[in-house]
Amino acid sequence: MRHCLRSRALYPAPGDWLGRLAPALEGRALRLGLAIRPLEDWWPSALAVLATRGAPMPDRQALMEIAIAPRGWREVVTEIAAAFPGAPLTIWSEAFAARPAAAAALLGVAEDPDAPAEPAPVHNARPEGAALFTEDEAGALAEQTETDLAWLRAGAGGLGRFVEDPDPCPDPCPGPPESAITDLEEEPQ
């Protein structure tokens, strides 16, 4: 998160640092997952976490630069997909925060029998009453979120699948795409 604040951008260059992992994972069947939340909630939450770790709060200029930055979830998804071409990528919304078993099921991870009953408490939620951004800045972040969500709902350019709401998921929630299941079955032991 410090890197995000320093660069005033949402997860700058994830492909670079994820790409460093690629050689270690070569030949393995991978499933990638990414949880997203509205930028107008993500940034205040991230800044609040950084503040608890001793980071100074950004000044007005930095907040304005964050709000008008053209980088959103679309860019993050695109770079993650490029770092692991061919690996199925599932993106889910903040609605899954209180339903971790449903999020895990999207990736085909078996439910932990020792996990607490759902819904789980949501930690790291956006601090209430923390009006860090002006109304216009918050509006710009919300507009970027809506643009990203429209792209995700339209198929994410074929780079991944987006699951927005855990409620319509039957019990258990459907696992990864069939291609991922096939890939796993063909993985040498």
N, C-alpha and C. Protein backbone atom coordinates (compact mmCIF):
# COMPACT_ATOMS: atom_id res chain seq x y z
N MET A 1 0.82 -1.19 0.00
CA MET A 1 0.00 0.00 0.00
C MET A 1 0.86 1.26 0.00
N ARG A 2 2.02 1.17 0.64
CA ARG A 2 2.90 2.35 0.63
C ARG A 2 3.30 2.71 -0.79
N HIS A 3 3.54 1.66 -1.60
CA HIS A 3 3.91 1.90 -3.00
C HIS A 3 2.76 2.59 -3.74
N CYS A 4 1.54 2.20 -3.43
CA CYS A 4 0.37 2.84 -4.05
C CYS A 4 0.33 4.32 -3.68
N LEU A 5 0.55 4.62 -2.41
CA LEU A 5 0.52 6.01 -1.98
C LEU A 5 1.67 6.80 -2.60
N ARG A 6 2.87 6.22 -2.59
CA ARG A 6 4.02 6.94 -3.18
C ARG A 6 3.79 7.24 -4.65
N SER A 7 3.23 6.29 -5.38
CA SER A 7 3.01 6.48 -6.81
C SER A 7 1.67 7.14 -7.12
N ARG A 8 0.82 7.26 -6.07
CA ARG A 8 -0.52 7.81 -6.23
C ARG A 8 -1.31 7.05 -7.29
N ALA A 9 -1.16 5.73 -7.23
CA ALA A 9 -1.81 4.87 -8.22
C ALA A 9 -2.21 3.55 -7.57
N LEU A 10 -3.29 2.98 -8.05
CA LEU A 10 -3.79 1.69 -7.58
C LEU A 10 -2.85 0.59 -8.06
N TYR A 11 -2.24 -0.12 -7.15
CA TYR A 11 -1.35 -1.24 -7.43
C TYR A 11 -0.52 -1.01 -8.70
N PRO A 12 0.43 -0.09 -8.64
CA PRO A 12 1.24 0.17 -9.83
C PRO A 12 2.11 -1.03 -10.21
N ALA A 13 2.11 -1.36 -11.47
CA ALA A 13 2.96 -2.40 -12.05
C ALA A 13 2.88 -3.76 -11.35
N PRO A 14 1.67 -4.30 -11.14
CA PRO A 14 1.62 -5.63 -10.51
C PRO A 14 2.23 -6.70 -11.40
N GLY A 15 2.21 -6.47 -12.71
CA GLY A 15 2.80 -7.44 -13.62
C GLY A 15 4.29 -7.61 -13.38
N ASP A 16 4.96 -6.54 -12.98
CA ASP A 16 6.40 -6.62 -12.72
C ASP A 16 6.68 -7.54 -11.55
N TRP A 17 6.01 -7.30 -10.42
CA TRP A 17 6.33 -8.13 -9.25
C TRP A 17 5.71 -9.51 -9.35
N LEU A 18 4.54 -9.65 -10.00
CA LEU A 18 3.99 -10.99 -10.20
C LEU A 18 4.80 -11.76 -11.21
N GLY A 19 5.33 -11.05 -12.21
CA GLY A 19 6.16 -11.69 -13.22
C GLY A 19 7.40 -12.36 -12.63
N ARG A 20 7.88 -11.83 -11.52
CA ARG A 20 9.04 -12.44 -10.86
C ARG A 20 8.68 -13.79 -10.25
N LEU A 21 7.40 -14.00 -9.97
CA LEU A 21 6.95 -15.30 -9.44
C LEU A 21 6.77 -16.34 -10.54
N ALA A 22 6.51 -15.88 -11.75
CA ALA A 22 6.15 -16.78 -12.85
C ALA A 22 7.15 -17.92 -13.04
N PRO A 23 8.47 -17.67 -13.04
CA PRO A 23 9.39 -18.80 -13.24
C PRO A 23 9.26 -19.87 -12.16
N ALA A 24 9.00 -19.48 -10.94
CA ALA A 24 8.86 -20.46 -9.85
C ALA A 24 7.59 -21.29 -9.99
N LEU A 25 6.61 -20.76 -10.70
CA LEU A 25 5.34 -21.45 -10.85
C LEU A 25 5.18 -22.11 -12.22
N GLU A 26 6.21 -22.02 -13.04
CA GLU A 26 6.14 -22.57 -14.39
C GLU A 26 5.79 -24.05 -14.37
N GLY A 27 4.87 -24.42 -15.24
CA GLY A 27 4.44 -25.81 -15.36
C GLY A 27 3.36 -26.21 -14.38
N ARG A 28 2.98 -25.34 -13.50
CA ARG A 28 1.93 -25.64 -12.53
C ARG A 28 0.61 -25.07 -13.02
N ALA A 29 -0.46 -25.76 -12.70
CA ALA A 29 -1.79 -25.23 -13.01
C ALA A 29 -2.11 -24.16 -11.98
N LEU A 30 -2.43 -23.00 -12.46
CA LEU A 30 -2.71 -21.87 -11.57
C LEU A 30 -4.14 -21.40 -11.72
N ARG A 31 -4.69 -20.89 -10.64
CA ARG A 31 -5.96 -20.17 -10.64
C ARG A 31 -5.68 -18.87 -9.90
N LEU A 32 -6.01 -17.78 -10.52
CA LEU A 32 -5.77 -16.49 -9.91
C LEU A 32 -7.08 -15.87 -9.46
N GLY A 33 -7.03 -15.20 -8.34
CA GLY A 33 -8.21 -14.52 -7.82
C GLY A 33 -7.85 -13.11 -7.40
N LEU A 34 -8.78 -12.20 -7.61
CA LEU A 34 -8.59 -10.81 -7.23
C LEU A 34 -9.89 -10.27 -6.66
N ALA A 35 -9.82 -9.81 -5.43
CA ALA A 35 -10.97 -9.16 -4.79
C ALA A 35 -10.84 -7.67 -5.02
N ILE A 36 -11.93 -7.05 -5.46
CA ILE A 36 -11.90 -5.61 -5.70
C ILE A 36 -12.97 -4.92 -4.86
N ARG A 37 -12.80 -3.64 -4.68
CA ARG A 37 -13.81 -2.84 -4.00
C ARG A 37 -13.83 -1.48 -4.67
N PRO A 38 -14.90 -0.72 -4.50
CA PRO A 38 -14.96 0.60 -5.13
C PRO A 38 -13.76 1.45 -4.72
N LEU A 39 -13.19 2.14 -5.67
CA LEU A 39 -12.01 2.97 -5.40
C LEU A 39 -12.29 4.03 -4.34
N GLU A 40 -13.52 4.53 -4.32
CA GLU A 40 -13.88 5.55 -3.33
C GLU A 40 -13.92 4.96 -1.92
N ASP A 41 -13.91 3.64 -1.80
CA ASP A 41 -13.80 2.97 -0.52
C ASP A 41 -12.39 2.42 -0.30
N TRP A 42 -11.78 1.92 -1.38
CA TRP A 42 -10.46 1.31 -1.27
C TRP A 42 -9.42 2.33 -0.79
N TRP A 43 -9.39 3.49 -1.42
CA TRP A 43 -8.36 4.48 -1.06
C TRP A 43 -8.47 4.95 0.39
N PRO A 44 -9.65 5.36 0.89
CA PRO A 44 -9.71 5.76 2.30
C PRO A 44 -9.30 4.62 3.24
N SER A 45 -9.68 3.38 2.91
CA SER A 45 -9.31 2.25 3.74
C SER A 45 -7.80 2.04 3.72
N ALA A 46 -7.21 2.06 2.53
CA ALA A 46 -5.77 1.88 2.42
C ALA A 46 -5.02 2.98 3.17
N LEU A 47 -5.47 4.21 3.03
CA LEU A 47 -4.81 5.32 3.72
C LEU A 47 -4.96 5.21 5.23
N ALA A 48 -6.11 4.71 5.69
CA ALA A 48 -6.32 4.52 7.13
C ALA A 48 -5.39 3.43 7.66
N VAL A 49 -5.23 2.36 6.92
CA VAL A 49 -4.31 1.29 7.33
C VAL A 49 -2.89 1.84 7.40
N LEU A 50 -2.48 2.59 6.39
CA LEU A 50 -1.14 3.17 6.39
C LEU A 50 -0.94 4.10 7.58
N ALA A 51 -1.97 4.86 7.91
CA ALA A 51 -1.86 5.78 9.05
C ALA A 51 -1.65 5.01 10.35
N THR A 52 -2.28 3.85 10.50
CA THR A 52 -2.08 3.05 11.71
C THR A 52 -0.67 2.48 11.77
N ARG A 53 0.01 2.48 10.64
CA ARG A 53 1.39 1.99 10.57
C ARG A 53 2.40 3.13 10.57
N GLY A 54 1.92 4.31 10.87
CA GLY A 54 2.83 5.45 11.02
C GLY A 54 3.04 6.30 9.78
N ALA A 55 2.39 5.98 8.70
CA ALA A 55 2.55 6.80 7.49
C ALA A 55 1.76 8.10 7.65
N PRO A 56 2.31 9.19 7.17
CA PRO A 56 1.56 10.45 7.25
C PRO A 56 0.40 10.44 6.25
N MET A 57 -0.65 11.12 6.59
CA MET A 57 -1.77 11.24 5.65
C MET A 57 -1.34 12.13 4.49
N PRO A 58 -1.78 11.81 3.29
CA PRO A 58 -1.40 12.63 2.14
C PRO A 58 -1.99 14.04 2.23
N ASP A 59 -1.29 14.97 1.61
CA ASP A 59 -1.79 16.35 1.58
C ASP A 59 -2.85 16.49 0.49
N ARG A 60 -3.45 17.65 0.40
CA ARG A 60 -4.53 17.91 -0.58
C ARG A 60 -4.07 17.62 -2.00
N GLN A 61 -2.86 18.02 -2.34
CA GLN A 61 -2.35 17.79 -3.70
C GLN A 61 -2.28 16.30 -4.01
N ALA A 62 -1.77 15.52 -3.06
CA ALA A 62 -1.66 14.08 -3.27
C ALA A 62 -3.05 13.44 -3.41
N LEU A 63 -3.99 13.86 -2.59
CA LEU A 63 -5.35 13.33 -2.69
C LEU A 63 -5.97 13.66 -4.04
N MET A 64 -5.74 14.86 -4.53
CA MET A 64 -6.26 15.23 -5.85
C MET A 64 -5.62 14.37 -6.94
N GLU A 65 -4.31 14.14 -6.85
CA GLU A 65 -3.63 13.31 -7.84
C GLU A 65 -4.15 11.88 -7.82
N ILE A 66 -4.41 11.35 -6.63
CA ILE A 66 -4.98 10.01 -6.51
C ILE A 66 -6.35 9.96 -7.19
N ALA A 67 -7.17 10.96 -6.92
CA ALA A 67 -8.54 10.98 -7.43
C ALA A 67 -8.61 11.08 -8.94
N ILE A 68 -7.68 11.80 -9.55
CA ILE A 68 -7.76 11.99 -11.00
C ILE A 68 -6.88 11.01 -11.77
N ALA A 69 -6.17 10.14 -11.06
CA ALA A 69 -5.33 9.15 -11.74
C ALA A 69 -6.19 8.28 -12.63
N PRO A 70 -5.72 8.02 -13.83
CA PRO A 70 -6.53 7.21 -14.75
C PRO A 70 -6.47 5.72 -14.48
N ARG A 71 -5.77 5.31 -13.46
CA ARG A 71 -5.57 3.89 -13.20
C ARG A 71 -6.68 3.33 -12.31
N GLY A 72 -7.28 2.24 -12.78
CA GLY A 72 -8.34 1.58 -12.02
C GLY A 72 -8.15 0.08 -12.07
N TRP A 73 -9.22 -0.64 -11.74
CA TRP A 73 -9.15 -2.10 -11.69
C TRP A 73 -8.90 -2.70 -13.07
N ARG A 74 -9.37 -2.07 -14.12
CA ARG A 74 -9.14 -2.60 -15.47
C ARG A 74 -7.64 -2.76 -15.74
N GLU A 75 -6.88 -1.74 -15.38
CA GLU A 75 -5.43 -1.79 -15.62
C GLU A 75 -4.78 -2.87 -14.76
N VAL A 76 -5.22 -3.00 -13.52
CA VAL A 76 -4.67 -4.02 -12.63
C VAL A 76 -4.97 -5.41 -13.17
N VAL A 77 -6.21 -5.65 -13.57
CA VAL A 77 -6.59 -6.96 -14.12
C VAL A 77 -5.79 -7.26 -15.38
N THR A 78 -5.66 -6.28 -16.25
CA THR A 78 -4.93 -6.48 -17.51
C THR A 78 -3.47 -6.87 -17.24
N GLU A 79 -2.85 -6.20 -16.29
CA GLU A 79 -1.45 -6.49 -15.99
C GLU A 79 -1.27 -7.84 -15.28
N ILE A 80 -2.20 -8.20 -14.42
CA ILE A 80 -2.13 -9.51 -13.76
C ILE A 80 -2.30 -10.61 -14.80
N ALA A 81 -3.27 -10.46 -15.69
CA ALA A 81 -3.50 -11.47 -16.74
C ALA A 81 -2.28 -11.61 -17.64
N ALA A 82 -1.60 -10.50 -17.93
CA ALA A 82 -0.41 -10.55 -18.78
C ALA A 82 0.75 -11.26 -18.08
N ALA A 83 0.82 -11.15 -16.76
CA ALA A 83 1.91 -11.79 -16.01
C ALA A 83 1.76 -13.31 -16.00
N PHE A 84 0.52 -13.81 -16.08
CA PHE A 84 0.25 -15.24 -16.06
C PHE A 84 -0.68 -15.60 -17.22
N PRO A 85 -0.19 -15.51 -18.45
CA PRO A 85 -1.08 -15.80 -19.58
C PRO A 85 -1.59 -17.24 -19.53
N GLY A 86 -2.86 -17.38 -19.79
CA GLY A 86 -3.48 -18.70 -19.79
C GLY A 86 -4.00 -19.15 -18.44
N ALA A 87 -3.61 -18.49 -17.37
CA ALA A 87 -4.12 -18.87 -16.05
C ALA A 87 -5.50 -18.25 -15.87
N PRO A 88 -6.49 -19.04 -15.47
CA PRO A 88 -7.82 -18.46 -15.27
C PRO A 88 -7.80 -17.43 -14.13
N LEU A 89 -8.40 -16.30 -14.40
CA LEU A 89 -8.45 -15.20 -13.42
C LEU A 89 -9.91 -14.94 -13.07
N THR A 90 -10.21 -15.03 -11.79
CA THR A 90 -11.55 -14.73 -11.30
C THR A 90 -11.47 -13.48 -10.45
N ILE A 91 -12.32 -12.52 -10.75
CA ILE A 91 -12.39 -11.26 -10.02
C ILE A 91 -13.72 -11.24 -9.30
N TRP A 92 -13.70 -10.92 -8.00
CA TRP A 92 -14.95 -10.83 -7.28
C TRP A 92 -15.05 -9.51 -6.56
N SER A 93 -16.28 -9.16 -6.26
CA SER A 93 -16.57 -7.85 -5.67
C SER A 93 -16.44 -7.87 -4.16
N GLU A 94 -16.50 -6.69 -3.61
CA GLU A 94 -16.45 -6.48 -2.17
C GLU A 94 -17.57 -7.21 -1.45
N ALA A 95 -18.64 -7.54 -2.16
CA ALA A 95 -19.77 -8.25 -1.55
C ALA A 95 -19.34 -9.60 -0.97
N PHE A 96 -18.23 -10.13 -1.44
CA PHE A 96 -17.73 -11.41 -0.94
C PHE A 96 -16.93 -11.26 0.35
N ALA A 97 -16.66 -10.04 0.81
CA ALA A 97 -15.82 -9.84 2.00
C ALA A 97 -16.36 -10.56 3.22
N ALA A 98 -17.66 -10.57 3.38
CA ALA A 98 -18.26 -11.25 4.52
C ALA A 98 -18.54 -12.72 4.23
N ARG A 99 -18.19 -13.18 3.04
CA ARG A 99 -18.45 -14.56 2.63
C ARG A 99 -17.17 -15.20 2.10
N PRO A 100 -16.14 -15.34 2.92
CA PRO A 100 -14.86 -15.85 2.42
C PRO A 100 -14.95 -17.26 1.83
N ALA A 101 -15.83 -18.10 2.35
CA ALA A 101 -15.96 -19.44 1.79
C ALA A 101 -16.51 -19.38 0.37
N ALA A 102 -17.41 -18.45 0.11
CA ALA A 102 -17.94 -18.29 -1.26
C ALA A 102 -16.84 -17.82 -2.20
N ALA A 103 -15.98 -16.91 -1.73
CA ALA A 103 -14.87 -16.44 -2.56
C ALA A 103 -13.90 -17.58 -2.83
N ALA A 104 -13.58 -18.36 -1.82
CA ALA A 104 -12.67 -19.50 -1.99
C ALA A 104 -13.26 -20.52 -2.96
N ALA A 105 -14.57 -20.73 -2.89
CA ALA A 105 -15.22 -21.69 -3.78
C ALA A 105 -15.10 -21.27 -5.24
N LEU A 106 -15.05 -19.96 -5.50
CA LEU A 106 -14.88 -19.50 -6.87
C LEU A 106 -13.57 -20.00 -7.47
N LEU A 107 -12.59 -20.24 -6.61
CA LEU A 107 -11.30 -20.73 -7.08
C LEU A 107 -11.17 -22.25 -6.94
N GLY A 108 -12.25 -22.89 -6.48
CA GLY A 108 -12.22 -24.33 -6.33
C GLY A 108 -11.56 -24.80 -5.05
N VAL A 109 -11.42 -23.90 -4.08
CA VAL A 109 -10.81 -24.25 -2.81
C VAL A 109 -11.89 -24.83 -1.91
N ALA A 110 -11.61 -25.98 -1.35
CA ALA A 110 -12.58 -26.64 -0.47
C ALA A 110 -12.80 -25.81 0.79
N GLU A 111 -14.00 -25.87 1.29
CA GLU A 111 -14.34 -25.14 2.50
C GLU A 111 -13.61 -25.74 3.69
N ASP A 112 -13.10 -24.87 4.53
CA ASP A 112 -12.40 -25.27 5.74
C ASP A 112 -13.44 -25.63 6.80
N PRO A 113 -13.48 -26.86 7.26
CA PRO A 113 -14.50 -27.24 8.25
C PRO A 113 -14.34 -26.49 9.57
N ASP A 114 -13.16 -25.94 9.83
CA ASP A 114 -12.93 -25.20 11.07
C ASP A 114 -13.18 -23.70 10.91
N ALA A 115 -13.56 -23.29 9.71
CA ALA A 115 -13.80 -21.85 9.48
C ALA A 115 -15.04 -21.41 10.25
N PRO A 116 -15.03 -20.16 10.71
CA PRO A 116 -16.21 -19.66 11.43
C PRO A 116 -17.43 -19.60 10.51
N ALA A 117 -18.59 -19.68 11.10
CA ALA A 117 -19.83 -19.60 10.33
C ALA A 117 -19.92 -18.25 9.64
N GLU A 118 -20.53 -18.24 8.49
CA GLU A 118 -20.68 -16.99 7.77
C GLU A 118 -21.97 -16.31 8.19
N PRO A 119 -22.14 -15.04 7.99
CA PRO A 119 -21.14 -14.15 7.43
C PRO A 119 -20.08 -13.77 8.46
N ALA A 120 -18.87 -13.63 7.97
CA ALA A 120 -17.75 -13.25 8.82
C ALA A 120 -17.72 -11.74 8.98
N PRO A 121 -17.14 -11.25 10.06
CA PRO A 121 -17.02 -9.80 10.20
C PRO A 121 -16.06 -9.26 9.13
N VAL A 122 -16.33 -8.10 8.64
CA VAL A 122 -15.49 -7.49 7.61
C VAL A 122 -14.50 -6.56 8.31
N HIS A 123 -13.24 -6.86 8.15
CA HIS A 123 -12.19 -6.03 8.73
C HIS A 123 -11.66 -5.10 7.66
N ASN A 124 -11.01 -4.05 8.06
CA ASN A 124 -10.41 -3.11 7.14
C ASN A 124 -11.48 -2.43 6.28
N ALA A 125 -12.64 -2.22 6.87
CA ALA A 125 -13.71 -1.53 6.16
C ALA A 125 -13.38 -0.04 6.08
N ARG A 126 -13.99 0.61 5.14
CA ARG A 126 -13.78 2.04 4.97
C ARG A 126 -14.15 2.76 6.27
N PRO A 127 -13.24 3.59 6.79
CA PRO A 127 -13.56 4.29 8.03
C PRO A 127 -14.75 5.22 7.86
N GLU A 128 -15.70 5.10 8.75
CA GLU A 128 -16.88 5.96 8.68
C GLU A 128 -16.51 7.41 9.00
N GLY A 129 -17.09 8.32 8.28
CA GLY A 129 -16.88 9.73 8.54
C GLY A 129 -15.54 10.25 8.10
N ALA A 130 -14.76 9.45 7.39
CA ALA A 130 -13.44 9.89 6.95
C ALA A 130 -13.56 10.52 5.57
N ALA A 131 -13.87 11.77 5.54
CA ALA A 131 -14.04 12.48 4.27
C ALA A 131 -12.69 13.02 3.82
N LEU A 132 -11.84 12.13 3.36
CA LEU A 132 -10.52 12.54 2.91
C LEU A 132 -10.59 13.28 1.58
N PHE A 133 -11.46 12.81 0.72
CA PHE A 133 -11.57 13.37 -0.62
C PHE A 133 -12.70 14.39 -0.67
N THR A 134 -12.53 15.39 -1.50
CA THR A 134 -13.62 16.34 -1.71
C THR A 134 -14.74 15.61 -2.44
N GLU A 135 -15.88 16.24 -2.53
CA GLU A 135 -17.01 15.62 -3.23
C GLU A 135 -16.65 15.34 -4.69
N ASP A 136 -15.96 16.28 -5.33
CA ASP A 136 -15.57 16.08 -6.73
C ASP A 136 -14.56 14.94 -6.88
N GLU A 137 -13.62 14.86 -5.94
CA GLU A 137 -12.61 13.79 -5.99
C GLU A 137 -13.27 12.43 -5.76
N ALA A 138 -14.14 12.35 -4.78
CA ALA A 138 -14.86 11.09 -4.52
C ALA A 138 -15.70 10.72 -5.74
N GLY A 139 -16.29 11.73 -6.38
CA GLY A 139 -17.06 11.48 -7.60
C GLY A 139 -16.19 10.93 -8.72
N ALA A 140 -14.98 11.45 -8.85
CA ALA A 140 -14.06 10.96 -9.89
C ALA A 140 -13.67 9.51 -9.62
N LEU A 141 -13.42 9.18 -8.36
CA LEU A 141 -13.11 7.80 -8.00
C LEU A 141 -14.30 6.88 -8.28
N ALA A 142 -15.50 7.33 -7.94
CA ALA A 142 -16.71 6.54 -8.19
C ALA A 142 -16.93 6.35 -9.69
N GLU A 143 -16.65 7.38 -10.47
CA GLU A 143 -16.81 7.27 -11.92
C GLU A 143 -15.83 6.24 -12.49
N GLN A 144 -14.58 6.25 -12.00
CA GLN A 144 -13.60 5.25 -12.44
C GLN A 144 -14.07 3.85 -12.06
N THR A 145 -14.61 3.70 -10.86
CA THR A 145 -15.13 2.40 -10.42
C THR A 145 -16.24 1.93 -11.36
N GLU A 146 -17.17 2.82 -11.69
CA GLU A 146 -18.27 2.44 -12.59
C GLU A 146 -17.76 2.05 -13.97
N THR A 147 -16.76 2.74 -14.47
CA THR A 147 -16.15 2.39 -15.76
C THR A 147 -15.53 1.00 -15.69
N ASP A 148 -14.80 0.74 -14.60
CA ASP A 148 -14.17 -0.57 -14.42
C ASP A 148 -15.22 -1.67 -14.29
N LEU A 149 -16.27 -1.42 -13.51
CA LEU A 149 -17.31 -2.42 -13.34
C LEU A 149 -18.02 -2.72 -14.66
N ALA A 150 -18.27 -1.70 -15.47
CA ALA A 150 -18.90 -1.92 -16.77
C ALA A 150 -18.02 -2.84 -17.63
N TRP A 151 -16.73 -2.60 -17.61
CA TRP A 151 -15.78 -3.43 -18.37
C TRP A 151 -15.77 -4.86 -17.84
N LEU A 152 -15.74 -5.01 -16.52
CA LEU A 152 -15.75 -6.34 -15.92
C LEU A 152 -17.05 -7.08 -16.24
N ARG A 153 -18.17 -6.39 -16.12
CA ARG A 153 -19.48 -7.02 -16.41
C ARG A 153 -19.60 -7.42 -17.87
N ALA A 154 -18.90 -6.71 -18.74
CA ALA A 154 -18.94 -7.01 -20.17
C ALA A 154 -17.96 -8.12 -20.57
N GLY A 155 -17.31 -8.72 -19.59
CA GLY A 155 -16.44 -9.85 -19.89
C GLY A 155 -14.96 -9.60 -19.67
N ALA A 156 -14.60 -8.44 -19.20
CA ALA A 156 -13.20 -8.11 -18.87
C ALA A 156 -12.26 -8.35 -20.05
N GLY A 157 -12.75 -8.08 -21.23
CA GLY A 157 -11.90 -8.25 -22.41
C GLY A 157 -11.41 -9.67 -22.60
N GLY A 158 -12.13 -10.63 -22.04
CA GLY A 158 -11.72 -12.03 -22.15
C GLY A 158 -10.59 -12.41 -21.21
N LEU A 159 -10.19 -11.51 -20.33
CA LEU A 159 -9.05 -11.77 -19.44
C LEU A 159 -9.43 -12.50 -18.16
N GLY A 160 -10.69 -12.48 -17.81
CA GLY A 160 -11.12 -13.12 -16.57
C GLY A 160 -12.62 -13.12 -16.48
N ARG A 161 -13.11 -13.71 -15.41
CA ARG A 161 -14.56 -13.67 -15.19
C ARG A 161 -14.82 -12.90 -13.90
N PHE A 162 -15.90 -12.15 -13.92
CA PHE A 162 -16.25 -11.29 -12.80
C PHE A 162 -17.49 -11.86 -12.13
N VAL A 163 -17.42 -12.02 -10.82
CA VAL A 163 -18.56 -12.47 -10.04
C VAL A 163 -18.86 -11.37 -9.04
N GLU A 164 -20.03 -10.78 -9.20
CA GLU A 164 -20.35 -9.59 -8.43
C GLU A 164 -21.09 -9.85 -7.13
N ASP A 165 -21.93 -10.87 -7.13
CA ASP A 165 -22.83 -11.05 -5.99
C ASP A 165 -22.77 -12.49 -5.50
N PRO A 166 -22.41 -12.71 -4.23
CA PRO A 166 -22.36 -14.08 -3.73
C PRO A 166 -23.74 -14.68 -3.46
N ASP A 167 -24.77 -13.85 -3.36
CA ASP A 167 -26.08 -14.36 -2.99
C ASP A 167 -26.69 -15.32 -3.99
N PRO A 168 -26.58 -15.07 -5.30
CA PRO A 168 -27.18 -16.04 -6.21
C PRO A 168 -26.38 -17.34 -6.31
N CYS A 169 -25.20 -17.39 -5.69
CA CYS A 169 -24.41 -18.62 -5.76
C CYS A 169 -25.13 -19.71 -5.01
N PRO A 170 -25.35 -20.84 -5.67
CA PRO A 170 -25.93 -21.97 -4.93
C PRO A 170 -24.91 -22.46 -3.92
N ASP A 171 -25.36 -23.29 -3.03
CA ASP A 171 -24.46 -23.81 -2.01
C ASP A 171 -24.03 -25.20 -2.44
N PRO A 172 -22.79 -25.44 -2.78
CA PRO A 172 -21.68 -24.49 -2.76
C PRO A 172 -21.67 -23.63 -4.00
N CYS A 173 -20.96 -22.51 -3.91
CA CYS A 173 -20.81 -21.58 -5.03
C CYS A 173 -20.05 -22.30 -6.16
N PRO A 174 -20.37 -22.01 -7.42
CA PRO A 174 -19.68 -22.71 -8.50
C PRO A 174 -18.18 -22.44 -8.46
N GLY A 175 -17.43 -23.45 -8.80
CA GLY A 175 -15.97 -23.35 -8.78
C GLY A 175 -15.43 -22.62 -9.99
N PRO A 176 -14.17 -22.86 -10.29
CA PRO A 176 -13.54 -22.16 -11.40
C PRO A 176 -14.09 -22.61 -12.73
N PRO A 177 -13.76 -21.88 -13.80
CA PRO A 177 -14.23 -22.28 -15.12
C PRO A 177 -13.78 -23.71 -15.44
N GLU A 178 -14.54 -24.38 -16.28
CA GLU A 178 -14.23 -25.77 -16.64
C GLU A 178 -12.80 -25.92 -17.15
N SER A 179 -12.28 -24.91 -17.88
CA SER A 179 -10.92 -25.02 -18.40
C SER A 179 -9.92 -25.16 -17.27
N ALA A 180 -10.15 -24.49 -16.15
CA ALA A 180 -9.24 -24.59 -15.01
C ALA A 180 -9.31 -25.97 -14.40
N ILE A 181 -10.50 -26.54 -14.33
CA ILE A 181 -10.67 -27.87 -13.77
C ILE A 181 -9.96 -28.88 -14.66
N THR A 182 -10.11 -28.74 -15.96
CA THR A 182 -9.44 -29.63 -16.90
C THR A 182 -7.94 -29.52 -16.75
N ASP A 183 -7.42 -28.28 -16.66
CA ASP A 183 -5.99 -28.08 -16.50
C ASP A 183 -5.48 -28.79 -15.24
N LEU A 184 -6.21 -28.69 -14.16
CA LEU A 184 -5.79 -29.31 -12.91
C LEU A 184 -5.78 -30.83 -13.03
N GLU A 185 -6.78 -31.38 -13.71
CA GLU A 185 -6.85 -32.82 -13.85
C GLU A 185 -5.70 -33.35 -14.68
N GLU A 186 -5.17 -32.53 -15.60
CA GLU A 186 -4.10 -32.97 -16.46
C GLU A 186 -2.73 -32.72 -15.87
N GLU A 187 -2.66 -32.05 -14.73
CA GLU A 187 -1.37 -31.74 -14.12
C GLU A 187 -0.70 -33.01 -13.67
N PRO A 188 0.60 -33.18 -14.06
CA PRO A 188 1.32 -34.39 -13.64
C PRO A 188 1.53 -34.39 -12.14
N GLN A 189 1.46 -35.55 -11.54
CA GLN A 189 1.65 -35.68 -10.10
C GLN A 189 3.11 -35.86 -9.74
